[in-house]
Amino acid sequence: MIILKSQREIEIMKKAGRIVALTLEKIKQALKPGITTGELDQIAEEFILSQGAYPTFKGYRGFPAAICTSINEEVVHGIPGLRTLKDGDIISIDVGASIEGYNGDAARTFAVGNVAKEAMNLIEATRASFFQGLAFAKQGFRLSDISHAIQTYVEGRGYSVVRDYVGHGIGRKMHEDPQIPNYGLPHRGPRLKRGMTLAIEPMVNAGGYEVYTLENRWTVVTKDGSLSAHYENTIAITDSEPEILTLF
């Protein structure tokens, strides 16, 4: 069941979203070759707690950290730890924060040091695909219009969209209905309405779309070892243009 949010609820989600966005900015500023993903996790957790919020991912279905850190061929759900970032890596950071009972969720892929042009192009195409989908996040369109726009843009640039993991509704729970695939035919699924709050999150691979999960039961990687990038924001459907809640 899709839960429509009141304006009061959306205002609270903006608070959560702003904390998520600020957390991503702090991580971006700290990124450099030599830092460990565990140190990034500590930075994120300390900041989120300092804002009176809670890092939603920590303990969620048993996840052991405050953020997800996915490097190079890792798609999502990388677990922070002792791994050290190297010059030329790309890293996807996924952050969730909850405050006053509501959640915000966003992800970015960042370059570490000097990164190959091909990797930068992947990061930019993934970011741009989100906004291609966002253009259809308006009242009157159907959910799969977002999906189709993302897939069309990504595949038109020679990349693939991950099928096994999708975006989602968000509110009091981190994952609510509906699921939002990053692929599919247009004009399908529920019609978009004011008050829907959605986490749209294209996951884009440089190679094929197939993925699998490592033995740690969390980290998802590309089957062919190609690079992957991730871009996500929490948004609200309004009377006019969609509002991105995870900006500051």
C-alpha atoms as a PDB file:
ATOM      1  CA  MET A   1       0.000   0.000   0.000  1.00  0.00           C
ATOM      2  CA  ILE A   2       1.351   3.394  -0.965  1.00  0.00           C
ATOM      3  CA  ILE A   3       1.205   5.819   1.980  1.00  0.00           C
ATOM      4  CA  LEU A   4       0.603   9.452   1.005  1.00  0.00           C
ATOM      5  CA  LYS A   5       2.305  11.988   3.275  1.00  0.00           C
ATOM      6  CA  SER A   6       0.875  15.227   4.600  1.00  0.00           C
ATOM      7  CA  GLN A   7       2.805  18.458   4.187  1.00  0.00           C
ATOM      8  CA  ARG A   8       3.730  18.242   7.885  1.00  0.00           C
ATOM      9  CA  GLU A   9       5.220  14.802   7.344  1.00  0.00           C
ATOM     10  CA  ILE A  10       7.120  15.964   4.267  1.00  0.00           C
ATOM     11  CA  GLU A  11       8.577  18.854   6.276  1.00  0.00           C
ATOM     12  CA  ILE A  12       9.940  16.344   8.806  1.00  0.00           C
ATOM     13  CA  MET A  13      11.357  14.242   5.976  1.00  0.00           C
ATOM     14  CA  LYS A  14      13.137  17.373   4.740  1.00  0.00           C
ATOM     15  CA  LYS A  15      14.911  17.522   8.107  1.00  0.00           C
ATOM     16  CA  ALA A  16      16.044  13.926   7.710  1.00  0.00           C
ATOM     17  CA  GLY A  17      16.989  14.549   4.097  1.00  0.00           C
ATOM     18  CA  ARG A  18      19.079  17.588   4.924  1.00  0.00           C
ATOM     19  CA  ILE A  19      21.038  15.584   7.485  1.00  0.00           C
ATOM     20  CA  VAL A  20      21.638  12.895   4.865  1.00  0.00           C
ATOM     21  CA  ALA A  21      22.832  15.483   2.346  1.00  0.00           C
ATOM     22  CA  LEU A  22      25.162  17.130   4.862  1.00  0.00           C
ATOM     23  CA  THR A  23      26.551  13.725   5.798  1.00  0.00           C
ATOM     24  CA  LEU A  24      27.357  13.001   2.165  1.00  0.00           C
ATOM     25  CA  GLU A  25      29.095  16.362   1.904  1.00  0.00           C
ATOM     26  CA  LYS A  26      31.213  15.642   4.969  1.00  0.00           C
ATOM     27  CA  ILE A  27      32.237  12.291   3.518  1.00  0.00           C
ATOM     28  CA  LYS A  28      33.069  13.913   0.188  1.00  0.00           C
ATOM     29  CA  GLN A  29      35.355  16.378   1.970  1.00  0.00           C
ATOM     30  CA  ALA A  30      37.106  13.568   3.860  1.00  0.00           C
ATOM     31  CA  LEU A  31      37.688  11.329   0.839  1.00  0.00           C
ATOM     32  CA  LYS A  32      41.326  10.822  -0.107  1.00  0.00           C
ATOM     33  CA  PRO A  33      43.647   7.951  -0.914  1.00  0.00           C
ATOM     34  CA  GLY A  34      44.683   6.229   2.298  1.00  0.00           C
ATOM     35  CA  ILE A  35      41.494   6.705   4.304  1.00  0.00           C
ATOM     36  CA  THR A  36      39.610   3.555   5.268  1.00  0.00           C
ATOM     37  CA  THR A  37      35.938   2.942   4.728  1.00  0.00           C
ATOM     38  CA  GLY A  38      35.657   2.393   8.470  1.00  0.00           C
ATOM     39  CA  GLU A  39      36.876   5.928   9.091  1.00  0.00           C
ATOM     40  CA  LEU A  40      34.243   7.254   6.676  1.00  0.00           C
ATOM     41  CA  ASP A  41      31.605   5.308   8.552  1.00  0.00           C
ATOM     42  CA  GLN A  42      32.718   6.844  11.840  1.00  0.00           C
ATOM     43  CA  ILE A  43      32.571  10.358  10.376  1.00  0.00           C
ATOM     44  CA  ALA A  44      29.041   9.709   9.149  1.00  0.00           C
ATOM     45  CA  GLU A  45      27.725   8.169  12.340  1.00  0.00           C
ATOM     46  CA  GLU A  46      29.168  10.877  14.587  1.00  0.00           C
ATOM     47  CA  PHE A  47      27.687  13.623  12.417  1.00  0.00           C
ATOM     48  CA  ILE A  48      24.232  12.059  12.151  1.00  0.00           C
ATOM     49  CA  LEU A  49      24.051  11.524  15.911  1.00  0.00           C
ATOM     50  CA  SER A  50      25.234  15.110  16.519  1.00  0.00           C
ATOM     51  CA  GLN A  51      22.163  16.302  14.593  1.00  0.00           C
ATOM     52  CA  GLY A  52      19.783  14.458  16.893  1.00  0.00           C
ATOM     53  CA  ALA A  53      19.094  11.844  14.222  1.00  0.00           C
ATOM     54  CA  TYR A  54      19.886   8.149  13.943  1.00  0.00           C
ATOM     55  CA  PRO A  55      21.764   6.354  11.137  1.00  0.00           C
ATOM     56  CA  THR A  56      18.923   4.257   9.784  1.00  0.00           C
ATOM     57  CA  PHE A  57      21.067   1.580   8.198  1.00  0.00           C
ATOM     58  CA  LYS A  58      22.821   0.634  11.436  1.00  0.00           C
ATOM     59  CA  GLY A  59      21.201  -2.590  12.577  1.00  0.00           C
ATOM     60  CA  TYR A  60      18.653  -2.513   9.728  1.00  0.00           C
ATOM     61  CA  ARG A  61      18.061  -6.179   8.951  1.00  0.00           C
ATOM     62  CA  GLY A  62      21.368  -6.782  10.720  1.00  0.00           C
ATOM     63  CA  PHE A  63      23.541  -4.379   8.693  1.00  0.00           C
ATOM     64  CA  PRO A  64      26.578  -3.637  10.887  1.00  0.00           C
ATOM     65  CA  ALA A  65      27.411  -0.024   9.958  1.00  0.00           C
ATOM     66  CA  ALA A  66      25.969   3.475   9.605  1.00  0.00           C
ATOM     67  CA  ILE A  67      26.584   3.791   5.850  1.00  0.00           C
ATOM     68  CA  CYS A  68      27.177   1.556   2.844  1.00  0.00           C
ATOM     69  CA  THR A  69      30.553   1.932   1.106  1.00  0.00           C
ATOM     70  CA  SER A  70      30.763   0.190  -2.280  1.00  0.00           C
ATOM     71  CA  ILE A  71      34.065   0.398  -4.180  1.00  0.00           C
ATOM     72  CA  ASN A  72      34.611  -0.002  -7.924  1.00  0.00           C
ATOM     73  CA  GLU A  73      32.801  -3.208  -9.001  1.00  0.00           C
ATOM     74  CA  GLU A  74      30.719  -3.214  -5.816  1.00  0.00           C
ATOM     75  CA  VAL A  75      27.191  -2.047  -6.623  1.00  0.00           C
ATOM     76  CA  VAL A  76      25.502  -1.546  -3.243  1.00  0.00           C
ATOM     77  CA  HIS A  77      25.623  -2.635   0.409  1.00  0.00           C
ATOM     78  CA  GLY A  78      29.397  -2.586   0.820  1.00  0.00           C
ATOM     79  CA  ILE A  79      30.327  -2.907   4.497  1.00  0.00           C
ATOM     80  CA  PRO A  80      32.757  -0.306   5.889  1.00  0.00           C
ATOM     81  CA  GLY A  81      35.876  -1.660   7.554  1.00  0.00           C
ATOM     82  CA  LEU A  82      39.650  -1.731   7.231  1.00  0.00           C
ATOM     83  CA  ARG A  83      39.777  -1.435   3.436  1.00  0.00           C
ATOM     84  CA  THR A  84      41.887   1.535   2.361  1.00  0.00           C
ATOM     85  CA  LEU A  85      40.890   3.697  -0.584  1.00  0.00           C
ATOM     86  CA  LYS A  86      43.397   3.990  -3.412  1.00  0.00           C
ATOM     87  CA  ASP A  87      44.054   6.676  -5.983  1.00  0.00           C
ATOM     88  CA  GLY A  88      41.776   5.967  -8.943  1.00  0.00           C
ATOM     89  CA  ASP A  89      39.032   4.170  -6.996  1.00  0.00           C
ATOM     90  CA  ILE A  90      35.402   5.168  -7.221  1.00  0.00           C
ATOM     91  CA  ILE A  91      33.221   4.695  -4.158  1.00  0.00           C
ATOM     92  CA  SER A  92      29.451   4.746  -3.770  1.00  0.00           C
ATOM     93  CA  ILE A  93      28.250   6.064  -0.417  1.00  0.00           C
ATOM     94  CA  ASP A  94      24.666   5.323   0.642  1.00  0.00           C
ATOM     95  CA  VAL A  95      23.360   7.189   3.703  1.00  0.00           C
ATOM     96  CA  GLY A  96      20.102   6.936   5.640  1.00  0.00           C
ATOM     97  CA  ALA A  97      19.038   9.048   8.607  1.00  0.00           C
ATOM     98  CA  SER A  98      15.869   9.107  10.673  1.00  0.00           C
ATOM     99  CA  ILE A  99      14.528  11.889  12.848  1.00  0.00           C
ATOM    100  CA  GLU A 100      11.154  12.360  14.534  1.00  0.00           C
ATOM    101  CA  GLY A 101      10.079   9.018  13.132  1.00  0.00           C
ATOM    102  CA  TYR A 102      10.760   9.706   9.451  1.00  0.00           C
ATOM    103  CA  ASN A 103      13.584   8.783   7.096  1.00  0.00           C
ATOM    104  CA  GLY A 104      15.777  10.298   4.414  1.00  0.00           C
ATOM    105  CA  ASP A 105      17.898   8.242   2.009  1.00  0.00           C
ATOM    106  CA  ALA A 106      20.438   9.266  -0.631  1.00  0.00           C
ATOM    107  CA  ALA A 107      23.556   7.963  -2.374  1.00  0.00           C
ATOM    108  CA  ARG A 108      26.409   9.356  -4.421  1.00  0.00           C
ATOM    109  CA  THR A 109      29.389   7.888  -6.228  1.00  0.00           C
ATOM    110  CA  PHE A 110      32.617   9.828  -5.667  1.00  0.00           C
ATOM    111  CA  ALA A 111      36.028   9.738  -7.323  1.00  0.00           C
ATOM    112  CA  VAL A 112      39.083   9.098  -5.148  1.00  0.00           C
ATOM    113  CA  GLY A 113      42.106  11.053  -6.353  1.00  0.00           C
ATOM    114  CA  ASN A 114      42.842  10.817 -10.060  1.00  0.00           C
ATOM    115  CA  VAL A 115      40.188   8.683 -11.737  1.00  0.00           C
ATOM    116  CA  ALA A 116      40.067   7.420 -15.323  1.00  0.00           C
ATOM    117  CA  LYS A 117      37.879   9.348 -17.732  1.00  0.00           C
ATOM    118  CA  GLU A 118      35.763   6.247 -18.328  1.00  0.00           C
ATOM    119  CA  ALA A 119      34.921   6.046 -14.626  1.00  0.00           C
ATOM    120  CA  MET A 120      34.047   9.744 -14.458  1.00  0.00           C
ATOM    121  CA  ASN A 121      31.756   9.339 -17.459  1.00  0.00           C
ATOM    122  CA  LEU A 122      29.968   6.474 -15.686  1.00  0.00           C
ATOM    123  CA  ILE A 123      29.499   8.561 -12.542  1.00  0.00           C
ATOM    124  CA  GLU A 124      28.090  11.471 -14.541  1.00  0.00           C
ATOM    125  CA  ALA A 125      25.774   9.291 -16.624  1.00  0.00           C
ATOM    126  CA  THR A 126      24.384   7.719 -13.448  1.00  0.00           C
ATOM    127  CA  ARG A 127      23.734  11.144 -11.918  1.00  0.00           C
ATOM    128  CA  ALA A 128      22.129  12.412 -15.117  1.00  0.00           C
ATOM    129  CA  SER A 129      19.898   9.322 -15.402  1.00  0.00           C
ATOM    130  CA  PHE A 130      18.320  10.198 -12.050  1.00  0.00           C
ATOM    131  CA  PHE A 131      17.243  13.575 -13.422  1.00  0.00           C
ATOM    132  CA  GLN A 132      15.924  11.956 -16.596  1.00  0.00           C
ATOM    133  CA  GLY A 133      13.640   9.895 -14.378  1.00  0.00           C
ATOM    134  CA  LEU A 134      12.821  12.828 -12.135  1.00  0.00           C
ATOM    135  CA  ALA A 135      11.344  14.679 -15.108  1.00  0.00           C
ATOM    136  CA  PHE A 136       8.448  12.186 -14.989  1.00  0.00           C
ATOM    137  CA  ALA A 137       7.960  12.302 -11.201  1.00  0.00           C
ATOM    138  CA  LYS A 138       4.856  14.439 -11.502  1.00  0.00           C
ATOM    139  CA  GLN A 139       1.167  14.008 -10.941  1.00  0.00           C
ATOM    140  CA  GLY A 140      -0.486  12.263 -13.861  1.00  0.00           C
ATOM    141  CA  PHE A 141       2.479  10.182 -14.969  1.00  0.00           C
ATOM    142  CA  ARG A 142       2.754   6.522 -14.029  1.00  0.00           C
ATOM    143  CA  LEU A 143       5.528   5.007 -11.958  1.00  0.00           C
ATOM    144  CA  SER A 144       7.152   3.149 -14.840  1.00  0.00           C
ATOM    145  CA  ASP A 145       7.529   6.388 -16.780  1.00  0.00           C
ATOM    146  CA  ILE A 146      10.346   7.165 -14.315  1.00  0.00           C
ATOM    147  CA  SER A 147      11.819   3.689 -14.831  1.00  0.00           C
ATOM    148  CA  HIS A 148      11.659   3.851 -18.601  1.00  0.00           C
ATOM    149  CA  ALA A 149      13.321   7.264 -18.767  1.00  0.00           C
ATOM    150  CA  ILE A 150      16.239   6.049 -16.635  1.00  0.00           C
ATOM    151  CA  GLN A 151      16.741   2.890 -18.679  1.00  0.00           C
ATOM    152  CA  THR A 152      16.504   4.706 -21.994  1.00  0.00           C
ATOM    153  CA  TYR A 153      19.116   7.260 -20.977  1.00  0.00           C
ATOM    154  CA  VAL A 154      21.525   4.730 -19.467  1.00  0.00           C
ATOM    155  CA  GLU A 155      21.388   2.169 -22.253  1.00  0.00           C
ATOM    156  CA  GLY A 156      21.652   4.905 -24.854  1.00  0.00           C
ATOM    157  CA  ARG A 157      25.118   5.581 -23.468  1.00  0.00           C
ATOM    158  CA  GLY A 158      26.244   1.980 -23.600  1.00  0.00           C
ATOM    159  CA  TYR A 159      25.760   1.162 -19.919  1.00  0.00           C
ATOM    160  CA  SER A 160      23.310  -1.173 -18.177  1.00  0.00           C
ATOM    161  CA  VAL A 161      20.897  -0.727 -15.268  1.00  0.00           C
ATOM    162  CA  VAL A 162      20.878  -3.214 -12.405  1.00  0.00           C
ATOM    163  CA  ARG A 163      17.670  -5.267 -12.386  1.00  0.00           C
ATOM    164  CA  ASP A 164      17.938  -7.030  -9.045  1.00  0.00           C
ATOM    165  CA  TYR A 165      17.807  -3.896  -6.869  1.00  0.00           C
ATOM    166  CA  VAL A 166      15.354  -1.035  -7.202  1.00  0.00           C
ATOM    167  CA  GLY A 167      14.195   2.220  -5.686  1.00  0.00           C
ATOM    168  CA  HIS A 168      11.364   2.354  -3.162  1.00  0.00           C
ATOM    169  CA  GLY A 169       8.793   4.366  -1.308  1.00  0.00           C
ATOM    170  CA  ILE A 170      10.014   5.898   1.962  1.00  0.00           C
ATOM    171  CA  GLY A 171       8.520   7.536   5.022  1.00  0.00           C
ATOM    172  CA  ARG A 172       8.182   6.179   8.531  1.00  0.00           C
ATOM    173  CA  LYS A 173       9.789   3.041   7.148  1.00  0.00           C
ATOM    174  CA  MET A 174      12.969   3.029   5.090  1.00  0.00           C
ATOM    175  CA  HIS A 175      11.361   0.741   2.524  1.00  0.00           C
ATOM    176  CA  GLU A 176       7.709   1.309   1.699  1.00  0.00           C
ATOM    177  CA  ASP A 177       5.621   0.632  -1.402  1.00  0.00           C
ATOM    178  CA  PRO A 178       6.002   1.089  -4.279  1.00  0.00           C
ATOM    179  CA  GLN A 179       9.138  -0.513  -5.657  1.00  0.00           C
ATOM    180  CA  ILE A 180      10.700   1.618  -8.406  1.00  0.00           C
ATOM    181  CA  PRO A 181      12.672  -0.385 -10.992  1.00  0.00           C
ATOM    182  CA  ASN A 182      15.230   1.464 -13.085  1.00  0.00           C
ATOM    183  CA  TYR A 183      13.986  -0.264 -16.225  1.00  0.00           C
ATOM    184  CA  GLY A 184      10.717  -1.167 -17.893  1.00  0.00           C
ATOM    185  CA  LEU A 185       8.043  -0.165 -20.346  1.00  0.00           C
ATOM    186  CA  PRO A 186       6.358   3.237 -19.924  1.00  0.00           C
ATOM    187  CA  HIS A 187       2.749   3.882 -18.836  1.00  0.00           C
ATOM    188  CA  ARG A 188       2.632   1.036 -16.292  1.00  0.00           C
ATOM    189  CA  GLY A 189       2.092   0.892 -12.551  1.00  0.00           C
ATOM    190  CA  PRO A 190       0.347   3.308 -10.173  1.00  0.00           C
ATOM    191  CA  ARG A 191      -0.377   6.848 -11.242  1.00  0.00           C
ATOM    192  CA  LEU A 192       1.735   9.372  -9.327  1.00  0.00           C
ATOM    193  CA  LYS A 193      -0.065  11.508  -6.747  1.00  0.00           C
ATOM    194  CA  ARG A 194       0.763  14.427  -4.502  1.00  0.00           C
ATOM    195  CA  GLY A 195       2.115  13.197  -1.176  1.00  0.00           C
ATOM    196  CA  MET A 196       4.013  10.206  -2.538  1.00  0.00           C
ATOM    197  CA  THR A 197       7.587  10.143  -1.222  1.00  0.00           C
ATOM    198  CA  LEU A 198      10.020   8.067  -3.247  1.00  0.00           C
ATOM    199  CA  ALA A 199      13.694   7.103  -3.162  1.00  0.00           C
ATOM    200  CA  ILE A 200      14.744   6.980  -6.813  1.00  0.00           C
ATOM    201  CA  GLU A 201      18.135   5.319  -7.175  1.00  0.00           C
ATOM    202  CA  PRO A 202      19.628   4.251 -10.488  1.00  0.00           C
ATOM    203  CA  MET A 203      22.445   1.714 -10.121  1.00  0.00           C
ATOM    204  CA  VAL A 204      24.405   1.672 -13.367  1.00  0.00           C
ATOM    205  CA  ASN A 205      27.053  -0.797 -14.527  1.00  0.00           C
ATOM    206  CA  ALA A 206      29.735  -0.143 -17.128  1.00  0.00           C
ATOM    207  CA  GLY A 207      29.289  -3.734 -18.333  1.00  0.00           C
ATOM    208  CA  GLY A 208      26.386  -6.153 -18.055  1.00  0.00           C
ATOM    209  CA  TYR A 209      23.530  -5.755 -15.590  1.00  0.00           C
ATOM    210  CA  GLU A 210      24.056  -9.104 -13.847  1.00  0.00           C
ATOM    211  CA  VAL A 211      25.117  -8.977 -10.196  1.00  0.00           C
ATOM    212  CA  TYR A 212      25.660 -11.348  -7.295  1.00  0.00           C
ATOM    213  CA  THR A 213      26.104 -11.106  -3.525  1.00  0.00           C
ATOM    214  CA  LEU A 214      29.379 -11.886  -1.775  1.00  0.00           C
ATOM    215  CA  GLU A 215      29.688 -14.401   1.048  1.00  0.00           C
ATOM    216  CA  ASN A 216      29.215 -11.645   3.635  1.00  0.00           C
ATOM    217  CA  ARG A 217      25.544 -11.717   2.494  1.00  0.00           C
ATOM    218  CA  TRP A 218      25.485  -7.962   1.922  1.00  0.00           C
ATOM    219  CA  THR A 219      27.913  -6.681  -0.676  1.00  0.00           C
ATOM    220  CA  VAL A 220      26.519  -6.824  -4.206  1.00  0.00           C
ATOM    221  CA  VAL A 221      29.059  -6.842  -7.063  1.00  0.00           C
ATOM    222  CA  THR A 222      28.914  -6.878 -10.844  1.00  0.00           C
ATOM    223  CA  LYS A 223      29.146 -10.368 -12.294  1.00  0.00           C
ATOM    224  CA  ASP A 224      31.644  -9.318 -14.974  1.00  0.00           C
ATOM    225  CA  GLY A 225      33.786  -7.213 -12.619  1.00  0.00           C
ATOM    226  CA  SER A 226      32.927  -3.948 -14.365  1.00  0.00           C
ATOM    227  CA  LEU A 227      32.603  -0.650 -12.506  1.00  0.00           C
ATOM    228  CA  SER A 228      29.269   0.387 -11.014  1.00  0.00           C
ATOM    229  CA  ALA A 229      27.884   3.750  -9.894  1.00  0.00           C
ATOM    230  CA  HIS A 230      24.889   4.773  -7.777  1.00  0.00           C
ATOM    231  CA  TYR A 231      22.894   7.998  -7.431  1.00  0.00           C
ATOM    232  CA  GLU A 232      19.875   8.428  -5.185  1.00  0.00           C
ATOM    233  CA  ASN A 233      17.646  11.087  -3.718  1.00  0.00           C
ATOM    234  CA  THR A 234      14.458  11.068  -1.680  1.00  0.00           C
ATOM    235  CA  ILE A 235      11.781  13.103  -3.448  1.00  0.00           C
ATOM    236  CA  ALA A 236       8.190  14.184  -2.900  1.00  0.00           C
ATOM    237  CA  ILE A 237       5.472  14.398  -5.536  1.00  0.00           C
ATOM    238  CA  THR A 238       3.814  17.833  -5.348  1.00  0.00           C
ATOM    239  CA  ASP A 239       1.177  19.790  -7.229  1.00  0.00           C
ATOM    240  CA  SER A 240       3.827  20.886  -9.719  1.00  0.00           C
ATOM    241  CA  GLU A 241       7.526  19.985  -9.938  1.00  0.00           C
ATOM    242  CA  PRO A 242       8.927  17.156  -7.777  1.00  0.00           C
ATOM    243  CA  GLU A 243      10.789  18.289  -4.684  1.00  0.00           C
ATOM    244  CA  ILE A 244      14.148  16.739  -3.814  1.00  0.00           C
ATOM    245  CA  LEU A 245      14.269  16.309  -0.030  1.00  0.00           C
ATOM    246  CA  THR A 246      17.912  15.239   0.264  1.00  0.00           C
ATOM    247  CA  LEU A 247      19.580  18.502  -0.653  1.00  0.00           C
ATOM    248  CA  PHE A 248      20.921  21.271   1.574  1.00  0.00           C
END
